[in-house]
Amino acid sequence: MNEKTGKLYYSIGEVSQMFEVNASLIRFWEKEFSVIRPKKNKKGNRLFTQKDVDNFRLIYHLVKEKGFTLEGAKKQLREKGEAIEKEAEMLKSLKKIRSFLMDLKAELN
C-alpha cells in the first residue's frame, strides 16, 4: 500500500496523469518493458501497483528526461538499475525543491 495515498492499485488514467502522458504510451511501455506488469480486473482494466509506478518512473526518467532509446533504457535497467533508481529519486527531490523555491519567489514578489 502506498503510504501517502493509501492506495493499493492505480488505474491507467491515474498513472497517465502522474506522468502527463497518454494512456497509449503506458500500454506500449508495458509491452516493451517486462518490469511493468499490472494486474487486470474482471473487466480487463489494468491495475498498477506502486512498484509498477516506480518502474514506470525509472523508464520515464531514462527515455524522456535522459533521451535513451527503448533498447538503451532496457540495457541501463538491466545493468545499472539501482544506480538509476537513486538518480531518479534525486531528480524528483530536486524538482520538488525547485518548485518550492519558485513558489517562495512568487510569494515574495
C-alpha atoms as a PDB file:
ATOM      1  CA  MET A   1       0.000   0.000   0.000  1.00  0.00           C
ATOM      2  CA  ASN A   2       1.225   3.482  -0.840  1.00  0.00           C
ATOM      3  CA  GLU A   3       1.792   5.291   2.458  1.00  0.00           C
ATOM      4  CA  LYS A   4       0.947   8.716   1.011  1.00  0.00           C
ATOM      5  CA  THR A   5      -2.297   7.870  -0.770  1.00  0.00           C
ATOM      6  CA  GLY A   6      -3.384   4.657   0.945  1.00  0.00           C
ATOM      7  CA  LYS A   7      -3.960   3.053  -2.467  1.00  0.00           C
ATOM      8  CA  LEU A   8      -3.034  -0.471  -3.448  1.00  0.00           C
ATOM      9  CA  TYR A   9      -3.682  -0.003  -7.167  1.00  0.00           C
ATOM     10  CA  TYR A  10      -3.772   2.824  -9.685  1.00  0.00           C
ATOM     11  CA  SER A  11      -5.793   2.922 -12.884  1.00  0.00           C
ATOM     12  CA  ILE A  12      -4.122   3.594 -16.212  1.00  0.00           C
ATOM     13  CA  GLY A  13      -5.743   7.050 -16.189  1.00  0.00           C
ATOM     14  CA  GLU A  14      -4.202   7.886 -12.820  1.00  0.00           C
ATOM     15  CA  VAL A  15      -0.763   6.739 -13.960  1.00  0.00           C
ATOM     16  CA  SER A  16      -1.036   8.696 -17.205  1.00  0.00           C
ATOM     17  CA  GLN A  17      -1.923  11.838 -15.209  1.00  0.00           C
ATOM     18  CA  MET A  18       1.036  11.321 -12.853  1.00  0.00           C
ATOM     19  CA  PHE A  19       3.441  11.475 -15.774  1.00  0.00           C
ATOM     20  CA  GLU A  20       1.399  13.696 -18.083  1.00  0.00           C
ATOM     21  CA  VAL A  21       1.473  11.136 -20.903  1.00  0.00           C
ATOM     22  CA  ASN A  22      -1.195   9.352 -22.937  1.00  0.00           C
ATOM     23  CA  ALA A  23      -2.526   6.020 -21.721  1.00  0.00           C
ATOM     24  CA  SER A  24      -1.350   4.551 -25.032  1.00  0.00           C
ATOM     25  CA  LEU A  25       2.275   5.220 -24.031  1.00  0.00           C
ATOM     26  CA  ILE A  26       1.739   3.326 -20.790  1.00  0.00           C
ATOM     27  CA  ARG A  27       0.253   0.383 -22.669  1.00  0.00           C
ATOM     28  CA  PHE A  28       3.150   0.480 -25.149  1.00  0.00           C
ATOM     29  CA  TRP A  29       5.816   0.570 -22.432  1.00  0.00           C
ATOM     30  CA  GLU A  30       4.011  -2.229 -20.612  1.00  0.00           C
ATOM     31  CA  LYS A  31       4.593  -4.389 -23.705  1.00  0.00           C
ATOM     32  CA  GLU A  32       8.204  -3.253 -24.127  1.00  0.00           C
ATOM     33  CA  PHE A  33       9.423  -3.482 -20.517  1.00  0.00           C
ATOM     34  CA  SER A  34       8.955  -6.676 -18.528  1.00  0.00           C
ATOM     35  CA  VAL A  35       9.256  -4.807 -15.197  1.00  0.00           C
ATOM     36  CA  ILE A  36       5.829  -3.206 -15.719  1.00  0.00           C
ATOM     37  CA  ARG A  37       3.261  -5.915 -15.095  1.00  0.00           C
ATOM     38  CA  PRO A  38      -0.102  -4.565 -13.964  1.00  0.00           C
ATOM     39  CA  LYS A  39      -2.810  -6.867 -12.736  1.00  0.00           C
ATOM     40  CA  LYS A  40      -6.091  -6.887 -14.622  1.00  0.00           C
ATOM     41  CA  ASN A  41      -9.565  -6.958 -13.103  1.00  0.00           C
ATOM     42  CA  LYS A  42     -12.513  -8.960 -14.451  1.00  0.00           C
ATOM     43  CA  LYS A  43     -13.258  -6.232 -17.000  1.00  0.00           C
ATOM     44  CA  GLY A  44      -9.666  -6.300 -18.227  1.00  0.00           C
ATOM     45  CA  ASN A  45      -8.766  -2.890 -16.775  1.00  0.00           C
ATOM     46  CA  ARG A  46      -5.139  -2.538 -15.793  1.00  0.00           C
ATOM     47  CA  LEU A  47      -4.379  -2.077 -12.101  1.00  0.00           C
ATOM     48  CA  PHE A  48      -0.880  -0.759 -11.440  1.00  0.00           C
ATOM     49  CA  THR A  49       0.872  -1.325  -8.118  1.00  0.00           C
ATOM     50  CA  GLN A  50       3.216   1.211  -6.544  1.00  0.00           C
ATOM     51  CA  LYS A  51       6.123  -0.920  -7.794  1.00  0.00           C
ATOM     52  CA  ASP A  52       4.770  -0.621 -11.353  1.00  0.00           C
ATOM     53  CA  VAL A  53       4.562   3.159 -10.930  1.00  0.00           C
ATOM     54  CA  ASP A  54       8.116   3.264  -9.565  1.00  0.00           C
ATOM     55  CA  ASN A  55       9.366   1.230 -12.536  1.00  0.00           C
ATOM     56  CA  PHE A  56       7.455   3.473 -14.917  1.00  0.00           C
ATOM     57  CA  ARG A  57       9.141   6.462 -13.253  1.00  0.00           C
ATOM     58  CA  LEU A  58      12.568   4.933 -13.943  1.00  0.00           C
ATOM     59  CA  ILE A  59      11.695   4.252 -17.567  1.00  0.00           C
ATOM     60  CA  TYR A  60      10.252   7.750 -17.965  1.00  0.00           C
ATOM     61  CA  HIS A  61      13.457   9.208 -16.494  1.00  0.00           C
ATOM     62  CA  LEU A  62      15.662   7.262 -18.888  1.00  0.00           C
ATOM     63  CA  VAL A  63      13.617   7.784 -22.050  1.00  0.00           C
ATOM     64  CA  LYS A  64      12.026  11.216 -21.642  1.00  0.00           C
ATOM     65  CA  GLU A  65      14.497  13.035 -19.408  1.00  0.00           C
ATOM     66  CA  LYS A  66      17.820  11.467 -20.380  1.00  0.00           C
ATOM     67  CA  GLY A  67      16.983  10.724 -24.023  1.00  0.00           C
ATOM     68  CA  PHE A  68      17.712   6.991 -24.114  1.00  0.00           C
ATOM     69  CA  THR A  69      16.226   4.787 -26.800  1.00  0.00           C
ATOM     70  CA  LEU A  70      13.978   1.985 -25.602  1.00  0.00           C
ATOM     71  CA  GLU A  71      16.762  -0.547 -26.141  1.00  0.00           C
ATOM     72  CA  GLY A  72      19.216   1.705 -24.324  1.00  0.00           C
ATOM     73  CA  ALA A  73      16.795   2.096 -21.417  1.00  0.00           C
ATOM     74  CA  LYS A  74      16.325  -1.682 -21.204  1.00  0.00           C
ATOM     75  CA  LYS A  75      20.088  -2.157 -21.100  1.00  0.00           C
ATOM     76  CA  GLN A  76      20.505   0.508 -18.419  1.00  0.00           C
ATOM     77  CA  LEU A  77      17.807  -1.080 -16.272  1.00  0.00           C
ATOM     78  CA  ARG A  78      19.464  -4.491 -16.560  1.00  0.00           C
ATOM     79  CA  GLU A  79      22.968  -3.259 -15.830  1.00  0.00           C
ATOM     80  CA  LYS A  80      22.532  -0.257 -13.542  1.00  0.00           C
ATOM     81  CA  GLY A  81      19.012  -0.492 -12.146  1.00  0.00           C
ATOM     82  CA  GLU A  82      19.817   0.530  -8.582  1.00  0.00           C
ATOM     83  CA  ALA A  83      22.018   3.484  -9.574  1.00  0.00           C
ATOM     84  CA  ILE A  84      19.361   4.753 -11.972  1.00  0.00           C
ATOM     85  CA  GLU A  85      16.727   4.431  -9.265  1.00  0.00           C
ATOM     86  CA  LYS A  86      18.813   6.614  -6.926  1.00  0.00           C
ATOM     87  CA  GLU A  87      19.400   9.140  -9.700  1.00  0.00           C
ATOM     88  CA  ALA A  88      15.675   9.333 -10.487  1.00  0.00           C
ATOM     89  CA  GLU A  89      14.816   9.817  -6.796  1.00  0.00           C
ATOM     90  CA  MET A  90      17.409  12.579  -6.505  1.00  0.00           C
ATOM     91  CA  LEU A  91      15.999  14.284  -9.593  1.00  0.00           C
ATOM     92  CA  LYS A  92      12.489  14.027  -8.162  1.00  0.00           C
ATOM     93  CA  SER A  93      13.674  15.633  -4.899  1.00  0.00           C
ATOM     94  CA  LEU A  94      15.445  18.408  -6.769  1.00  0.00           C
ATOM     95  CA  LYS A  95      12.292  19.148  -8.773  1.00  0.00           C
ATOM     96  CA  LYS A  96      10.282  19.415  -5.547  1.00  0.00           C
ATOM     97  CA  ILE A  97      12.860  21.800  -4.090  1.00  0.00           C
ATOM     98  CA  ARG A  98      12.847  23.876  -7.277  1.00  0.00           C
ATOM     99  CA  SER A  99       9.057  24.057  -7.224  1.00  0.00           C
ATOM    100  CA  PHE A 100       9.104  25.135  -3.587  1.00  0.00           C
ATOM    101  CA  LEU A 101      11.710  27.831  -4.293  1.00  0.00           C
ATOM    102  CA  MET A 102       9.774  29.115  -7.313  1.00  0.00           C
ATOM    103  CA  ASP A 103       6.597  29.335  -5.196  1.00  0.00           C
ATOM    104  CA  LEU A 104       8.518  31.135  -2.476  1.00  0.00           C
ATOM    105  CA  LYS A 105       9.955  33.570  -5.001  1.00  0.00           C
ATOM    106  CA  ALA A 106       6.476  34.263  -6.397  1.00  0.00           C
ATOM    107  CA  GLU A 107       5.163  34.994  -2.890  1.00  0.00           C
ATOM    108  CA  LEU A 108       7.980  37.450  -2.207  1.00  0.00           C
ATOM    109  CA  ASN A 109       7.420  39.391  -5.443  1.00  0.00           C
END
